[in-house]
Amino acid sequence: MNQLQLVASIAERDAVRYTPAGIPIVSARLLHRSEQTEASIARLVEFEIAALAAGEISGRFSQAELGKNFRFTGFLARRNRNSKSLVFHITDFETCSQDH
């Protein structure tokens, strides 16, 4: 199974673009900060991840407030067929009151 759920804020976001088939896509960078427990030790975790929203959700995503925390759901895939880097494909998101 390839499903990822992540609480993050939108650090930066590009304008809506369209594929040759006319599908709207919005690319962005998400910023995650949280405290996780590993080997019984608290660890601060911070990272940015490349993300994109395609299709119907792209309109809502393009209007979402920058810097505000959301709970994103989606999956990971290669940036393109020949790439080793990953992109988080957002399939849904909701406002999150969590401060992490």
N, C-alpha and C. Protein backbone atom coordinates (compact mmCIF):
# COMPACT_ATOMS: atom_id res chain seq x y z
N MET A 1 0.84 -1.18 0.00
CA MET A 1 0.00 0.00 0.00
C MET A 1 0.88 1.24 0.00
N ASN A 2 0.51 2.23 -0.75
CA ASN A 2 1.25 3.48 -0.86
C ASN A 2 0.28 4.59 -0.51
N GLN A 3 0.16 4.89 0.78
CA GLN A 3 -0.71 5.97 1.24
C GLN A 3 0.03 6.74 2.31
N LEU A 4 0.03 8.05 2.20
CA LEU A 4 0.72 8.91 3.13
C LEU A 4 -0.25 9.93 3.67
N GLN A 5 -0.23 10.11 5.00
CA GLN A 5 -1.00 11.17 5.63
C GLN A 5 -0.01 12.03 6.40
N LEU A 6 -0.07 13.33 6.20
CA LEU A 6 0.95 14.22 6.72
C LEU A 6 0.32 15.54 7.14
N VAL A 7 0.68 16.01 8.34
CA VAL A 7 0.29 17.35 8.76
C VAL A 7 1.44 18.27 8.37
N ALA A 8 1.12 19.28 7.57
CA ALA A 8 2.15 20.19 7.07
C ALA A 8 1.51 21.51 6.68
N SER A 9 2.36 22.50 6.46
CA SER A 9 1.90 23.78 5.93
C SER A 9 2.42 23.92 4.50
N ILE A 10 1.76 24.77 3.73
CA ILE A 10 2.19 25.03 2.37
C ILE A 10 3.25 26.12 2.43
N ALA A 11 4.49 25.76 2.17
CA ALA A 11 5.60 26.71 2.25
C ALA A 11 5.65 27.60 1.01
N GLU A 12 5.44 27.01 -0.15
CA GLU A 12 5.39 27.76 -1.41
C GLU A 12 4.54 26.98 -2.40
N ARG A 13 3.96 27.73 -3.32
CA ARG A 13 3.04 27.09 -4.28
C ARG A 13 3.13 27.82 -5.61
N ASP A 14 3.13 27.05 -6.70
CA ASP A 14 3.15 27.61 -8.05
C ASP A 14 1.72 27.90 -8.51
N ALA A 15 1.61 28.64 -9.60
CA ALA A 15 0.30 28.90 -10.20
C ALA A 15 -0.22 27.61 -10.86
N VAL A 16 -1.51 27.56 -11.06
CA VAL A 16 -2.13 26.41 -11.73
C VAL A 16 -1.60 26.33 -13.16
N ARG A 17 -1.22 25.12 -13.57
CA ARG A 17 -0.83 24.87 -14.97
C ARG A 17 -1.69 23.71 -15.47
N TYR A 18 -1.63 23.44 -16.73
CA TYR A 18 -2.48 22.41 -17.32
C TYR A 18 -1.65 21.42 -18.12
N THR A 19 -1.99 20.14 -17.99
CA THR A 19 -1.32 19.10 -18.77
C THR A 19 -1.81 19.21 -20.22
N PRO A 20 -1.14 18.54 -21.16
CA PRO A 20 -1.64 18.54 -22.55
C PRO A 20 -3.08 18.03 -22.66
N ALA A 21 -3.49 17.19 -21.70
CA ALA A 21 -4.86 16.67 -21.71
C ALA A 21 -5.85 17.63 -21.03
N GLY A 22 -5.34 18.78 -20.56
CA GLY A 22 -6.22 19.78 -19.95
C GLY A 22 -6.47 19.60 -18.47
N ILE A 23 -5.72 18.75 -17.80
CA ILE A 23 -5.89 18.52 -16.37
C ILE A 23 -5.12 19.58 -15.59
N PRO A 24 -5.80 20.30 -14.67
CA PRO A 24 -5.11 21.32 -13.88
C PRO A 24 -4.19 20.68 -12.83
N ILE A 25 -3.00 21.27 -12.66
CA ILE A 25 -2.02 20.78 -11.69
C ILE A 25 -1.42 21.98 -10.96
N VAL A 26 -1.25 21.82 -9.64
CA VAL A 26 -0.57 22.84 -8.84
C VAL A 26 0.58 22.15 -8.11
N SER A 27 1.80 22.64 -8.32
CA SER A 27 2.98 22.13 -7.63
C SER A 27 3.25 22.99 -6.40
N ALA A 28 3.83 22.38 -5.37
CA ALA A 28 4.09 23.11 -4.13
C ALA A 28 5.21 22.43 -3.35
N ARG A 29 5.63 23.11 -2.29
CA ARG A 29 6.54 22.53 -1.30
C ARG A 29 5.81 22.61 0.03
N LEU A 30 5.72 21.46 0.70
CA LEU A 30 5.09 21.40 2.02
C LEU A 30 6.17 21.36 3.08
N LEU A 31 5.89 21.99 4.23
CA LEU A 31 6.82 22.02 5.35
C LEU A 31 6.18 21.29 6.53
N HIS A 32 6.89 20.28 7.03
CA HIS A 32 6.42 19.50 8.18
C HIS A 32 7.35 19.72 9.36
N ARG A 33 6.76 19.92 10.54
CA ARG A 33 7.52 20.02 11.80
C ARG A 33 6.74 19.27 12.86
N SER A 34 7.42 18.36 13.55
CA SER A 34 6.76 17.64 14.64
C SER A 34 7.81 17.06 15.57
N GLU A 35 7.33 16.57 16.70
CA GLU A 35 8.19 15.83 17.61
C GLU A 35 7.77 14.38 17.58
N GLN A 36 8.71 13.50 17.29
CA GLN A 36 8.45 12.07 17.20
C GLN A 36 9.29 11.34 18.25
N THR A 37 8.80 10.20 18.67
CA THR A 37 9.56 9.38 19.62
C THR A 37 10.22 8.25 18.86
N GLU A 38 11.52 8.13 19.05
CA GLU A 38 12.30 7.08 18.41
C GLU A 38 13.24 6.50 19.45
N ALA A 39 13.16 5.18 19.66
CA ALA A 39 13.99 4.49 20.66
C ALA A 39 13.82 5.17 22.03
N SER A 40 12.57 5.52 22.36
CA SER A 40 12.20 6.14 23.64
C SER A 40 12.81 7.53 23.84
N ILE A 41 13.24 8.16 22.77
CA ILE A 41 13.82 9.50 22.84
C ILE A 41 13.02 10.43 21.94
N ALA A 42 12.67 11.61 22.46
CA ALA A 42 11.95 12.60 21.67
C ALA A 42 12.90 13.19 20.63
N ARG A 43 12.39 13.31 19.42
CA ARG A 43 13.21 13.82 18.31
C ARG A 43 12.41 14.85 17.52
N LEU A 44 13.01 16.01 17.29
CA LEU A 44 12.37 17.03 16.47
C LEU A 44 12.57 16.67 15.01
N VAL A 45 11.48 16.62 14.25
CA VAL A 45 11.54 16.25 12.84
C VAL A 45 11.07 17.45 12.02
N GLU A 46 11.90 17.89 11.08
CA GLU A 46 11.56 18.98 10.17
C GLU A 46 12.00 18.59 8.77
N PHE A 47 11.12 18.79 7.79
CA PHE A 47 11.51 18.55 6.41
C PHE A 47 10.54 19.25 5.46
N GLU A 48 11.03 19.47 4.25
CA GLU A 48 10.19 19.94 3.15
C GLU A 48 10.03 18.80 2.17
N ILE A 49 8.86 18.75 1.54
CA ILE A 49 8.62 17.71 0.55
C ILE A 49 7.92 18.34 -0.66
N ALA A 50 8.35 17.93 -1.84
CA ALA A 50 7.69 18.37 -3.07
C ALA A 50 6.32 17.71 -3.14
N ALA A 51 5.32 18.49 -3.56
CA ALA A 51 3.96 17.96 -3.62
C ALA A 51 3.26 18.53 -4.85
N LEU A 52 2.18 17.84 -5.25
CA LEU A 52 1.33 18.38 -6.30
C LEU A 52 -0.11 17.91 -6.09
N ALA A 53 -1.01 18.75 -6.56
CA ALA A 53 -2.44 18.45 -6.52
C ALA A 53 -2.93 18.53 -7.96
N ALA A 54 -3.59 17.47 -8.42
CA ALA A 54 -4.06 17.41 -9.80
C ALA A 54 -5.57 17.18 -9.85
N GLY A 55 -6.17 17.68 -10.90
CA GLY A 55 -7.60 17.47 -11.10
C GLY A 55 -8.44 18.40 -10.25
N GLU A 56 -9.59 17.91 -9.81
CA GLU A 56 -10.56 18.73 -9.08
C GLU A 56 -9.99 19.38 -7.83
N ILE A 57 -9.13 18.66 -7.10
CA ILE A 57 -8.60 19.18 -5.84
C ILE A 57 -7.64 20.35 -6.05
N SER A 58 -7.10 20.52 -7.25
CA SER A 58 -6.13 21.58 -7.51
C SER A 58 -6.71 22.97 -7.28
N GLY A 59 -7.98 23.16 -7.59
CA GLY A 59 -8.61 24.47 -7.37
C GLY A 59 -8.67 24.84 -5.91
N ARG A 60 -9.09 23.91 -5.07
CA ARG A 60 -9.17 24.13 -3.63
C ARG A 60 -7.76 24.31 -3.05
N PHE A 61 -6.82 23.51 -3.53
CA PHE A 61 -5.45 23.59 -3.05
C PHE A 61 -4.82 24.94 -3.41
N SER A 62 -5.10 25.44 -4.60
CA SER A 62 -4.51 26.72 -5.03
C SER A 62 -5.04 27.89 -4.22
N GLN A 63 -6.17 27.72 -3.54
CA GLN A 63 -6.75 28.77 -2.71
C GLN A 63 -6.42 28.62 -1.22
N ALA A 64 -5.80 27.50 -0.84
CA ALA A 64 -5.50 27.23 0.57
C ALA A 64 -4.48 28.24 1.10
N GLU A 65 -4.64 28.60 2.36
CA GLU A 65 -3.79 29.61 2.98
C GLU A 65 -2.36 29.12 3.18
N LEU A 66 -1.40 29.90 2.72
CA LEU A 66 0.01 29.57 2.94
C LEU A 66 0.34 29.68 4.42
N GLY A 67 1.18 28.77 4.91
CA GLY A 67 1.62 28.81 6.31
C GLY A 67 0.67 28.18 7.30
N LYS A 68 -0.53 27.85 6.90
CA LYS A 68 -1.51 27.23 7.79
C LYS A 68 -1.36 25.72 7.73
N ASN A 69 -1.55 25.04 8.88
CA ASN A 69 -1.44 23.58 8.91
C ASN A 69 -2.68 22.90 8.32
N PHE A 70 -2.41 21.89 7.50
CA PHE A 70 -3.46 21.05 6.92
C PHE A 70 -3.06 19.59 7.11
N ARG A 71 -4.03 18.71 7.10
CA ARG A 71 -3.77 17.27 7.08
C ARG A 71 -3.95 16.81 5.65
N PHE A 72 -2.83 16.44 5.02
CA PHE A 72 -2.82 16.03 3.62
C PHE A 72 -2.85 14.51 3.53
N THR A 73 -3.57 13.99 2.57
CA THR A 73 -3.61 12.56 2.28
C THR A 73 -3.25 12.38 0.81
N GLY A 74 -2.48 11.34 0.53
CA GLY A 74 -2.11 11.09 -0.85
C GLY A 74 -1.15 9.92 -0.96
N PHE A 75 -0.31 9.95 -1.98
CA PHE A 75 0.63 8.85 -2.22
C PHE A 75 1.93 9.41 -2.76
N LEU A 76 2.99 8.63 -2.70
CA LEU A 76 4.30 9.01 -3.22
C LEU A 76 4.52 8.36 -4.59
N ALA A 77 5.13 9.13 -5.48
CA ALA A 77 5.49 8.61 -6.81
C ALA A 77 6.76 9.33 -7.27
N ARG A 78 7.44 8.73 -8.23
CA ARG A 78 8.61 9.38 -8.81
C ARG A 78 8.19 10.67 -9.49
N ARG A 79 9.12 11.62 -9.50
CA ARG A 79 8.86 12.91 -10.17
C ARG A 79 8.54 12.68 -11.65
N ASN A 80 9.28 11.78 -12.26
CA ASN A 80 8.99 11.33 -13.63
C ASN A 80 9.55 9.92 -13.78
N ARG A 81 9.33 9.32 -14.92
CA ARG A 81 9.69 7.92 -15.13
C ARG A 81 11.16 7.61 -14.84
N ASN A 82 12.06 8.52 -15.17
CA ASN A 82 13.49 8.27 -15.02
C ASN A 82 14.10 8.87 -13.75
N SER A 83 13.29 9.49 -12.91
CA SER A 83 13.79 10.17 -11.72
C SER A 83 13.83 9.24 -10.51
N LYS A 84 14.76 9.52 -9.60
CA LYS A 84 14.80 8.80 -8.32
C LYS A 84 14.15 9.63 -7.22
N SER A 85 13.90 10.92 -7.45
CA SER A 85 13.29 11.76 -6.43
C SER A 85 11.77 11.55 -6.40
N LEU A 86 11.20 11.74 -5.21
CA LEU A 86 9.78 11.48 -5.00
C LEU A 86 8.97 12.76 -4.89
N VAL A 87 7.70 12.66 -5.25
CA VAL A 87 6.74 13.76 -5.11
C VAL A 87 5.51 13.20 -4.40
N PHE A 88 4.99 13.98 -3.46
CA PHE A 88 3.77 13.63 -2.73
C PHE A 88 2.58 14.10 -3.56
N HIS A 89 1.79 13.17 -4.06
CA HIS A 89 0.59 13.48 -4.84
C HIS A 89 -0.58 13.60 -3.87
N ILE A 90 -1.10 14.80 -3.71
CA ILE A 90 -2.19 15.07 -2.75
C ILE A 90 -3.52 14.66 -3.37
N THR A 91 -4.25 13.81 -2.66
CA THR A 91 -5.58 13.40 -3.13
C THR A 91 -6.69 14.04 -2.31
N ASP A 92 -6.36 14.54 -1.10
CA ASP A 92 -7.34 15.22 -0.25
C ASP A 92 -6.59 15.99 0.82
N PHE A 93 -7.23 16.99 1.39
CA PHE A 93 -6.66 17.69 2.53
C PHE A 93 -7.77 18.39 3.30
N GLU A 94 -7.49 18.65 4.57
CA GLU A 94 -8.45 19.33 5.44
C GLU A 94 -7.69 20.21 6.41
N THR A 95 -8.38 21.23 6.93
CA THR A 95 -7.80 22.10 7.93
C THR A 95 -7.45 21.29 9.16
N CYS A 96 -6.33 21.61 9.75
CA CYS A 96 -5.85 20.87 10.91
C CYS A 96 -5.56 21.86 12.02
N SER A 97 -6.10 21.62 13.20
CA SER A 97 -5.86 22.52 14.33
C SER A 97 -4.56 22.18 15.05
N GLN A 98 -3.94 21.07 14.67
CA GLN A 98 -2.70 20.64 15.30
C GLN A 98 -1.59 21.65 14.99
N ASP A 99 -0.79 22.00 16.01
CA ASP A 99 0.26 23.00 15.85
C ASP A 99 1.56 22.40 15.40
N HIS A 100 1.65 21.11 15.18
CA HIS A 100 2.92 20.47 14.80
C HIS A 100 3.03 20.34 13.31
